Amino acid sequence: MNYTLPQTSQGFHTCHILKEERMGKTLTNLMRFHYIELPKVTQDKRSIEELTEEARFLEYLKYAGEPNDRHDHEKDGS
């Protein structure tokens, strides 16, 4: 998602499970919801070469479809 969730951790990846409200019992361990908050992916402004493979892929998702993506900005020096 290209926005941040309210009340989440500082990390860009969070995982949620289904629980019964009153008893707090987990419904199943076979279903998990993974959220990747793209605005949190590379806030430290490292160059693309310094990023992990996972972070590079997420950067691609973050800027895919934009006419001037991050890679083009780094080539320009802007």
Protein backbone atom coordinates (compact mmCIF):
# COMPACT_ATOMS: atom_id res chain seq x y z
CA MET A 1 0.00 0.00 0.00
CA ASN A 2 1.21 3.46 -0.75
CA TYR A 3 0.18 4.90 2.61
CA THR A 4 0.89 4.13 6.25
CA LEU A 5 -1.46 2.39 8.66
CA PRO A 6 -2.41 4.19 11.85
CA GLN A 7 -0.95 2.70 15.05
CA THR A 8 1.63 0.42 13.42
CA SER A 9 5.28 -0.25 14.12
CA GLN A 10 8.17 1.76 12.76
CA GLY A 11 9.01 -1.03 10.31
CA PHE A 12 7.51 -1.18 6.84
CA HIS A 13 6.25 -4.79 7.16
CA THR A 14 3.55 -5.84 9.64
CA CYS A 15 1.68 -9.12 9.98
CA HIS A 16 -1.82 -9.54 11.44
CA ILE A 17 -3.83 -12.61 12.39
CA LEU A 18 -7.52 -13.27 13.08
CA LYS A 19 -8.55 -13.59 16.73
CA GLU A 20 -11.87 -13.94 18.54
CA GLU A 21 -12.53 -10.62 20.30
CA ARG A 22 -13.73 -11.70 23.76
CA MET A 23 -11.56 -14.75 24.35
CA GLY A 24 -8.56 -13.65 22.29
CA LYS A 25 -8.30 -17.11 20.74
CA THR A 26 -6.61 -17.30 17.35
CA LEU A 27 -9.05 -18.44 14.67
CA THR A 28 -6.40 -20.09 12.49
CA ASN A 29 -2.67 -19.94 12.00
CA LEU A 30 -3.15 -20.56 8.27
CA MET A 31 -4.35 -17.05 7.46
CA ARG A 32 -2.17 -13.99 7.96
CA PHE A 33 -2.41 -10.50 6.54
CA HIS A 34 0.93 -8.97 5.55
CA TYR A 35 1.01 -5.23 5.02
CA ILE A 36 3.92 -3.47 3.36
CA GLU A 37 3.75 0.27 3.88
CA LEU A 38 5.63 1.65 0.87
CA PRO A 39 6.21 5.16 2.30
CA LYS A 40 8.30 3.53 5.06
CA VAL A 41 10.46 1.38 2.75
CA THR A 42 13.64 3.45 2.29
CA GLN A 43 13.36 6.54 4.40
CA ASP A 44 17.12 6.58 4.97
CA LYS A 45 17.84 7.65 1.34
CA ARG A 46 20.53 5.04 0.62
CA SER A 47 21.54 4.61 -3.01
CA ILE A 48 19.92 1.78 -4.96
CA GLU A 49 23.19 -0.17 -4.99
CA GLU A 50 23.24 -0.20 -1.15
CA LEU A 51 19.71 -1.62 -0.81
CA THR A 52 18.89 -5.27 -0.17
CA GLU A 53 17.18 -7.24 -2.93
CA GLU A 54 13.87 -6.97 -1.02
CA ALA A 55 14.21 -3.20 -0.60
CA ARG A 56 15.04 -2.76 -4.32
CA PHE A 57 11.90 -4.69 -5.28
CA LEU A 58 9.79 -2.58 -2.91
CA GLU A 59 11.34 0.61 -4.32
CA TYR A 60 10.30 -0.60 -7.76
CA LEU A 61 6.71 -1.07 -6.53
CA LYS A 62 6.78 2.29 -4.79
CA TYR A 63 7.74 4.21 -7.94
CA ALA A 64 6.30 1.99 -10.69
CA GLY A 65 4.22 3.96 -13.14
CA GLU A 66 5.65 7.35 -12.23
CA PRO A 67 7.16 9.17 -15.21
CA ASN A 68 10.26 10.16 -13.19
CA ASP A 69 11.00 7.28 -10.86
CA ARG A 70 13.76 7.28 -8.22
CA HIS A 71 16.29 5.57 -10.50
CA ASP A 72 15.97 8.36 -13.08
CA HIS A 73 16.45 11.00 -10.35
CA GLU A 74 19.68 9.35 -9.22
CA LYS A 75 21.03 9.40 -12.79
CA ASP A 76 20.26 13.15 -13.04
CA GLY A 77 21.76 13.88 -9.66
CA SER A 78 18.47 15.49 -8.56
